[in-house]
Amino acid sequence: MKMLQARMYVSPLDLARAAALAGHKEETLRYLEQSCEDHVPWLVFIENQPDLDFIRSEPRFQAIIRKLGLPSAL
């Protein structure tokens, strides 16, 4: 993924979803946090992304939800 980023912009949200599909919890959370810092517009839809189900109970995920002002599904 780093090589692609060197040539063009890749949203950290896209990288988070790719990491989620690969089952990499830490990397997924890191990219989601970066998405929040970068104000990625599509981040407000993370509550509806089934590929993120495996991290919903994680405190860092819940912190992102709170920061965005979204209702928690837990």
PDB file of N, CA and C in Angstrom:
ATOM      1  N   MET A   1       0.806  -1.189   0.000  1.00  0.00           N
ATOM      2  CA  MET A   1       0.000   0.000   0.000  1.00  0.00           C
ATOM      3  C   MET A   1       0.851   1.255   0.000  1.00  0.00           C
ATOM      4  N   LYS A   2       1.996   1.207   0.635  1.00  0.00           N
ATOM      5  CA  LYS A   2       2.864   2.382   0.696  1.00  0.00           C
ATOM      6  C   LYS A   2       3.284   2.826  -0.700  1.00  0.00           C
ATOM      7  N   MET A   3       3.580   1.880  -1.591  1.00  0.00           N
ATOM      8  CA  MET A   3       4.011   2.240  -2.937  1.00  0.00           C
ATOM      9  C   MET A   3       2.914   3.003  -3.666  1.00  0.00           C
ATOM     10  N   LEU A   4       1.664   2.583  -3.522  1.00  0.00           N
ATOM     11  CA  LEU A   4       0.549   3.269  -4.151  1.00  0.00           C
ATOM     12  C   LEU A   4       0.413   4.676  -3.595  1.00  0.00           C
ATOM     13  N   GLN A   5       0.582   4.841  -2.289  1.00  0.00           N
ATOM     14  CA  GLN A   5       0.480   6.160  -1.676  1.00  0.00           C
ATOM     15  C   GLN A   5       1.549   7.109  -2.193  1.00  0.00           C
ATOM     16  N   ALA A   6       2.694   6.611  -2.576  1.00  0.00           N
ATOM     17  CA  ALA A   6       3.767   7.465  -3.067  1.00  0.00           C
ATOM     18  C   ALA A   6       3.397   8.092  -4.404  1.00  0.00           C
ATOM     19  N   ARG A   7       2.518   7.447  -5.152  1.00  0.00           N
ATOM     20  CA  ARG A   7       2.163   7.944  -6.482  1.00  0.00           C
ATOM     21  C   ARG A   7       0.857   8.727  -6.516  1.00  0.00           C
ATOM     22  N   MET A   8      -0.045   8.440  -5.582  1.00  0.00           N
ATOM     23  CA  MET A   8      -1.333   9.115  -5.584  1.00  0.00           C
ATOM     24  C   MET A   8      -1.920   9.108  -4.178  1.00  0.00           C
ATOM     25  N   TYR A   9      -2.900   9.964  -3.950  1.00  0.00           N
ATOM     26  CA  TYR A   9      -3.550  10.015  -2.640  1.00  0.00           C
ATOM     27  C   TYR A   9      -4.417   8.783  -2.453  1.00  0.00           C
ATOM     28  N   VAL A  10      -4.275   8.163  -1.307  1.00  0.00           N
ATOM     29  CA  VAL A  10      -5.146   7.067  -0.899  1.00  0.00           C
ATOM     30  C   VAL A  10      -5.708   7.455   0.470  1.00  0.00           C
ATOM     31  N   SER A  11      -7.011   7.491   0.560  1.00  0.00           N
ATOM     32  CA  SER A  11      -7.666   7.874   1.799  1.00  0.00           C
ATOM     33  C   SER A  11      -7.319   6.887   2.907  1.00  0.00           C
ATOM     34  N   PRO A  12      -7.038   7.391   4.111  1.00  0.00           N
ATOM     35  CA  PRO A  12      -6.791   6.475   5.216  1.00  0.00           C
ATOM     36  C   PRO A  12      -8.019   5.620   5.536  1.00  0.00           C
ATOM     37  N   LEU A  13      -9.202   6.088   5.161  1.00  0.00           N
ATOM     38  CA  LEU A  13     -10.402   5.289   5.362  1.00  0.00           C
ATOM     39  C   LEU A  13     -10.382   4.066   4.447  1.00  0.00           C
ATOM     40  N   ASP A  14      -9.934   4.250   3.210  1.00  0.00           N
ATOM     41  CA  ASP A  14      -9.796   3.106   2.296  1.00  0.00           C
ATOM     42  C   ASP A  14      -8.763   2.120   2.823  1.00  0.00           C
ATOM     43  N   LEU A  15      -7.693   2.646   3.392  1.00  0.00           N
ATOM     44  CA  LEU A  15      -6.655   1.781   3.960  1.00  0.00           C
ATOM     45  C   LEU A  15      -7.187   1.053   5.194  1.00  0.00           C
ATOM     46  N   ALA A  16      -8.025   1.729   5.977  1.00  0.00           N
ATOM     47  CA  ALA A  16      -8.634   1.099   7.150  1.00  0.00           C
ATOM     48  C   ALA A  16      -9.538  -0.051   6.726  1.00  0.00           C
ATOM     49  N   ARG A  17     -10.321   0.158   5.697  1.00  0.00           N
ATOM     50  CA  ARG A  17     -11.225  -0.903   5.237  1.00  0.00           C
ATOM     51  C   ARG A  17     -10.444  -2.072   4.659  1.00  0.00           C
ATOM     52  N   ALA A  18      -9.346  -1.801   3.972  1.00  0.00           N
ATOM     53  CA  ALA A  18      -8.507  -2.882   3.449  1.00  0.00           C
ATOM     54  C   ALA A  18      -7.885  -3.666   4.605  1.00  0.00           C
ATOM     55  N   ALA A  19      -7.425  -2.958   5.628  1.00  0.00           N
ATOM     56  CA  ALA A  19      -6.847  -3.621   6.795  1.00  0.00           C
ATOM     57  C   ALA A  19      -7.910  -4.442   7.521  1.00  0.00           C
ATOM     58  N   ALA A  20      -9.126  -3.920   7.579  1.00  0.00           N
ATOM     59  CA  ALA A  20     -10.223  -4.641   8.232  1.00  0.00           C
ATOM     60  C   ALA A  20     -10.529  -5.936   7.485  1.00  0.00           C
ATOM     61  N   LEU A  21     -10.567  -5.857   6.169  1.00  0.00           N
ATOM     62  CA  LEU A  21     -10.838  -7.057   5.376  1.00  0.00           C
ATOM     63  C   LEU A  21      -9.755  -8.114   5.572  1.00  0.00           C
ATOM     64  N   ALA A  22      -8.547  -7.664   5.864  1.00  0.00           N
ATOM     65  CA  ALA A  22      -7.442  -8.593   6.125  1.00  0.00           C
ATOM     66  C   ALA A  22      -7.425  -9.047   7.587  1.00  0.00           C
ATOM     67  N   GLY A  23      -8.299  -8.460   8.416  1.00  0.00           N
ATOM     68  CA  GLY A  23      -8.390  -8.853   9.819  1.00  0.00           C
ATOM     69  C   GLY A  23      -7.333  -8.255  10.714  1.00  0.00           C
ATOM     70  N   HIS A  24      -6.738  -7.129  10.303  1.00  0.00           N
ATOM     71  CA  HIS A  24      -5.679  -6.476  11.078  1.00  0.00           C
ATOM     72  C   HIS A  24      -6.283  -5.377  11.956  1.00  0.00           C
ATOM     73  N   LYS A  25      -6.561  -5.730  13.207  1.00  0.00           N
ATOM     74  CA  LYS A  25      -7.248  -4.811  14.116  1.00  0.00           C
ATOM     75  C   LYS A  25      -6.456  -3.532  14.377  1.00  0.00           C
ATOM     76  N   GLU A  26      -5.206  -3.646  14.779  1.00  0.00           N
ATOM     77  CA  GLU A  26      -4.395  -2.474  15.137  1.00  0.00           C
ATOM     78  C   GLU A  26      -4.263  -1.515  13.948  1.00  0.00           C
ATOM     79  N   GLU A  27      -3.977  -2.063  12.787  1.00  0.00           N
ATOM     80  CA  GLU A  27      -3.818  -1.235  11.581  1.00  0.00           C
ATOM     81  C   GLU A  27      -5.146  -0.566  11.215  1.00  0.00           C
ATOM     82  N   THR A  28      -6.240  -1.294  11.334  1.00  0.00           N
ATOM     83  CA  THR A  28      -7.560  -0.727  11.041  1.00  0.00           C
ATOM     84  C   THR A  28      -7.844   0.464  11.942  1.00  0.00           C
ATOM     85  N   LEU A  29      -7.614   0.282  13.231  1.00  0.00           N
ATOM     86  CA  LEU A  29      -7.866   1.371  14.179  1.00  0.00           C
ATOM     87  C   LEU A  29      -6.958   2.568  13.919  1.00  0.00           C
ATOM     88  N   ARG A  30      -5.690   2.310  13.616  1.00  0.00           N
ATOM     89  CA  ARG A  30      -4.754   3.399  13.332  1.00  0.00           C
ATOM     90  C   ARG A  30      -5.225   4.222  12.124  1.00  0.00           C
ATOM     91  N   TYR A  31      -5.654   3.540  11.061  1.00  0.00           N
ATOM     92  CA  TYR A  31      -6.110   4.266   9.870  1.00  0.00           C
ATOM     93  C   TYR A  31      -7.446   4.979  10.117  1.00  0.00           C
ATOM     94  N   LEU A  32      -8.300   4.404  10.952  1.00  0.00           N
ATOM     95  CA  LEU A  32      -9.546   5.094  11.289  1.00  0.00           C
ATOM     96  C   LEU A  32      -9.270   6.361  12.083  1.00  0.00           C
ATOM     97  N   GLU A  33      -8.331   6.276  13.010  1.00  0.00           N
ATOM     98  CA  GLU A  33      -7.941   7.464  13.773  1.00  0.00           C
ATOM     99  C   GLU A  33      -7.347   8.529  12.847  1.00  0.00           C
ATOM    100  N   GLN A  34      -6.550   8.101  11.885  1.00  0.00           N
ATOM    101  CA  GLN A  34      -5.985   9.043  10.913  1.00  0.00           C
ATOM    102  C   GLN A  34      -7.090   9.669  10.071  1.00  0.00           C
ATOM    103  N   SER A  35      -8.092   8.868   9.720  1.00  0.00           N
ATOM    104  CA  SER A  35      -9.240   9.384   8.959  1.00  0.00           C
ATOM    105  C   SER A  35      -9.959  10.471   9.736  1.00  0.00           C
ATOM    106  N   CYS A  36     -10.080  10.258  11.027  1.00  0.00           N
ATOM    107  CA  CYS A  36     -10.732  11.247  11.894  1.00  0.00           C
ATOM    108  C   CYS A  36      -9.909  12.536  11.927  1.00  0.00           C
ATOM    109  N   GLU A  37      -8.605  12.406  12.107  1.00  0.00           N
ATOM    110  CA  GLU A  37      -7.720  13.579  12.132  1.00  0.00           C
ATOM    111  C   GLU A  37      -7.733  14.335  10.806  1.00  0.00           C
ATOM    112  N   ASP A  38      -7.844  13.587   9.700  1.00  0.00           N
ATOM    113  CA  ASP A  38      -7.843  14.189   8.359  1.00  0.00           C
ATOM    114  C   ASP A  38      -9.227  14.672   7.929  1.00  0.00           C
ATOM    115  N   HIS A  39     -10.228  14.468   8.771  1.00  0.00           N
ATOM    116  CA  HIS A  39     -11.602  14.879   8.467  1.00  0.00           C
ATOM    117  C   HIS A  39     -12.107  14.254   7.164  1.00  0.00           C
ATOM    118  N   VAL A  40     -11.872  12.957   7.008  1.00  0.00           N
ATOM    119  CA  VAL A  40     -12.354  12.242   5.824  1.00  0.00           C
ATOM    120  C   VAL A  40     -13.890  12.215   5.888  1.00  0.00           C
ATOM    121  N   PRO A  41     -14.571  12.794   4.890  1.00  0.00           N
ATOM    122  CA  PRO A  41     -16.035  12.932   4.953  1.00  0.00           C
ATOM    123  C   PRO A  41     -16.799  11.612   5.099  1.00  0.00           C
ATOM    124  N   TRP A  42     -16.346  10.582   4.440  1.00  0.00           N
ATOM    125  CA  TRP A  42     -17.071   9.306   4.451  1.00  0.00           C
ATOM    126  C   TRP A  42     -16.966   8.577   5.783  1.00  0.00           C
ATOM    127  N   LEU A  43     -16.171   9.063   6.698  1.00  0.00           N
ATOM    128  CA  LEU A  43     -15.995   8.417   7.994  1.00  0.00           C
ATOM    129  C   LEU A  43     -17.307   8.347   8.775  1.00  0.00           C
ATOM    130  N   VAL A  44     -18.216   9.273   8.518  1.00  0.00           N
ATOM    131  CA  VAL A  44     -19.486   9.281   9.252  1.00  0.00           C
ATOM    132  C   VAL A  44     -20.336   8.046   8.971  1.00  0.00           C
ATOM    133  N   PHE A  45     -19.958   7.240   7.983  1.00  0.00           N
ATOM    134  CA  PHE A  45     -20.714   6.038   7.649  1.00  0.00           C
ATOM    135  C   PHE A  45     -20.115   4.770   8.247  1.00  0.00           C
ATOM    136  N   ILE A  46     -19.126   4.893   9.130  1.00  0.00           N
ATOM    137  CA  ILE A  46     -18.466   3.682   9.638  1.00  0.00           C
ATOM    138  C   ILE A  46     -19.393   2.813  10.476  1.00  0.00           C
ATOM    139  N   GLU A  47     -20.427   3.380  11.043  1.00  0.00           N
ATOM    140  CA  GLU A  47     -21.367   2.573  11.823  1.00  0.00           C
ATOM    141  C   GLU A  47     -22.133   1.589  10.940  1.00  0.00           C
ATOM    142  N   ASN A  48     -22.170   1.832   9.638  1.00  0.00           N
ATOM    143  CA  ASN A  48     -22.908   0.975   8.714  1.00  0.00           C
ATOM    144  C   ASN A  48     -22.003   0.049   7.907  1.00  0.00           C
ATOM    145  N   GLN A  49     -20.746  -0.072   8.283  1.00  0.00           N
ATOM    146  CA  GLN A  49     -19.793  -0.894   7.543  1.00  0.00           C
ATOM    147  C   GLN A  49     -19.620  -2.248   8.241  1.00  0.00           C
ATOM    148  N   PRO A  50     -20.178  -3.311   7.668  1.00  0.00           N
ATOM    149  CA  PRO A  50     -20.074  -4.620   8.324  1.00  0.00           C
ATOM    150  C   PRO A  50     -18.640  -5.140   8.439  1.00  0.00           C
ATOM    151  N   ASP A  51     -17.743  -4.675   7.585  1.00  0.00           N
ATOM    152  CA  ASP A  51     -16.353  -5.135   7.671  1.00  0.00           C
ATOM    153  C   ASP A  51     -15.650  -4.598   8.920  1.00  0.00           C
ATOM    154  N   LEU A  52     -16.282  -3.671   9.631  1.00  0.00           N
ATOM    155  CA  LEU A  52     -15.707  -3.133  10.865  1.00  0.00           C
ATOM    156  C   LEU A  52     -16.334  -3.746  12.122  1.00  0.00           C
ATOM    157  N   ASP A  53     -17.203  -4.721  11.954  1.00  0.00           N
ATOM    158  CA  ASP A  53     -17.880  -5.345  13.096  1.00  0.00           C
ATOM    159  C   ASP A  53     -16.899  -5.888  14.131  1.00  0.00           C
ATOM    160  N   PHE A  54     -15.759  -6.388  13.691  1.00  0.00           N
ATOM    161  CA  PHE A  54     -14.827  -7.033  14.610  1.00  0.00           C
ATOM    162  C   PHE A  54     -14.115  -6.064  15.555  1.00  0.00           C
ATOM    163  N   ILE A  55     -14.278  -4.756  15.335  1.00  0.00           N
ATOM    164  CA  ILE A  55     -13.638  -3.780  16.235  1.00  0.00           C
ATOM    165  C   ILE A  55     -14.638  -2.867  16.937  1.00  0.00           C
ATOM    166  N   ARG A  56     -15.916  -3.096  16.759  1.00  0.00           N
ATOM    167  CA  ARG A  56     -16.933  -2.193  17.321  1.00  0.00           C
ATOM    168  C   ARG A  56     -16.844  -2.043  18.838  1.00  0.00           C
ATOM    169  N   SER A  57     -16.462  -3.093  19.536  1.00  0.00           N
ATOM    170  CA  SER A  57     -16.393  -3.013  20.995  1.00  0.00           C
ATOM    171  C   SER A  57     -15.064  -2.456  21.501  1.00  0.00           C
ATOM    172  N   GLU A  58     -14.141  -2.188  20.603  1.00  0.00           N
ATOM    173  CA  GLU A  58     -12.833  -1.643  20.986  1.00  0.00           C
ATOM    174  C   GLU A  58     -12.988  -0.203  21.493  1.00  0.00           C
ATOM    175  N   PRO A  59     -12.365   0.118  22.615  1.00  0.00           N
ATOM    176  CA  PRO A  59     -12.448   1.490  23.142  1.00  0.00           C
ATOM    177  C   PRO A  59     -11.985   2.555  22.140  1.00  0.00           C
ATOM    178  N   ARG A  60     -10.986   2.270  21.347  1.00  0.00           N
ATOM    179  CA  ARG A  60     -10.506   3.260  20.363  1.00  0.00           C
ATOM    180  C   ARG A  60     -11.559   3.505  19.279  1.00  0.00           C
ATOM    181  N   PHE A  61     -12.266   2.458  18.870  1.00  0.00           N
ATOM    182  CA  PHE A  61     -13.353   2.622  17.891  1.00  0.00           C
ATOM    183  C   PHE A  61     -14.471   3.448  18.507  1.00  0.00           C
ATOM    184  N   GLN A  62     -14.845   3.130  19.747  1.00  0.00           N
ATOM    185  CA  GLN A  62     -15.895   3.880  20.423  1.00  0.00           C
ATOM    186  C   GLN A  62     -15.501   5.344  20.613  1.00  0.00           C
ATOM    187  N   ALA A  63     -14.219   5.612  20.832  1.00  0.00           N
ATOM    188  CA  ALA A  63     -13.744   6.995  20.959  1.00  0.00           C
ATOM    189  C   ALA A  63     -13.931   7.750  19.640  1.00  0.00           C
ATOM    190  N   ILE A  64     -13.693   7.075  18.528  1.00  0.00           N
ATOM    191  CA  ILE A  64     -13.900   7.704  17.214  1.00  0.00           C
ATOM    192  C   ILE A  64     -15.378   8.021  17.026  1.00  0.00           C
ATOM    193  N   ILE A  65     -16.235   7.068  17.379  1.00  0.00           N
ATOM    194  CA  ILE A  65     -17.682   7.268  17.256  1.00  0.00           C
ATOM    195  C   ILE A  65     -18.116   8.488  18.072  1.00  0.00           C
ATOM    196  N   ARG A  66     -17.619   8.573  19.309  1.00  0.00           N
ATOM    197  CA  ARG A  66     -17.963   9.730  20.161  1.00  0.00           C
ATOM    198  C   ARG A  66     -17.431  11.032  19.570  1.00  0.00           C
ATOM    199  N   LYS A  67     -16.207  11.004  19.076  1.00  0.00           N
ATOM    200  CA  LYS A  67     -15.596  12.219  18.507  1.00  0.00           C
ATOM    201  C   LYS A  67     -16.410  12.722  17.313  1.00  0.00           C
ATOM    202  N   LEU A  68     -16.962  11.784  16.537  1.00  0.00           N
ATOM    203  CA  LEU A  68     -17.765  12.154  15.375  1.00  0.00           C
ATOM    204  C   LEU A  68     -19.192  12.540  15.760  1.00  0.00           C
ATOM    205  N   GLY A  69     -19.564  12.267  17.008  1.00  0.00           N
ATOM    206  CA  GLY A  69     -20.916  12.585  17.455  1.00  0.00           C
ATOM    207  C   GLY A  69     -21.945  11.596  16.943  1.00  0.00           C
ATOM    208  N   LEU A  70     -21.509  10.375  16.615  1.00  0.00           N
ATOM    209  CA  LEU A  70     -22.431   9.354  16.118  1.00  0.00           C
ATOM    210  C   LEU A  70     -22.995   8.563  17.285  1.00  0.00           C
ATOM    211  N   PRO A  71     -24.202   8.036  17.127  1.00  0.00           N
ATOM    212  CA  PRO A  71     -24.761   7.202  18.192  1.00  0.00           C
ATOM    213  C   PRO A  71     -24.026   5.864  18.241  1.00  0.00           C
ATOM    214  N   SER A  72     -23.729   5.392  19.423  1.00  0.00           N
ATOM    215  CA  SER A  72     -23.045   4.121  19.580  1.00  0.00           C
ATOM    216  C   SER A  72     -24.048   2.986  19.403  1.00  0.00           C
ATOM    217  N   ALA A  73     -23.627   1.948  18.696  1.00  0.00           N
ATOM    218  CA  ALA A  73     -24.484   0.788  18.474  1.00  0.00           C
ATOM    219  C   ALA A  73     -24.379  -0.195  19.625  1.00  0.00           C
ATOM    220  N   LEU A  74     -23.498   0.079  20.597  1.00  0.00           N
ATOM    221  CA  LEU A  74     -23.329  -0.848  21.729  1.00  0.00           C
ATOM    222  C   LEU A  74     -24.257  -0.521  22.859  1.00  0.00           C
TER     223      LEU A  74
END
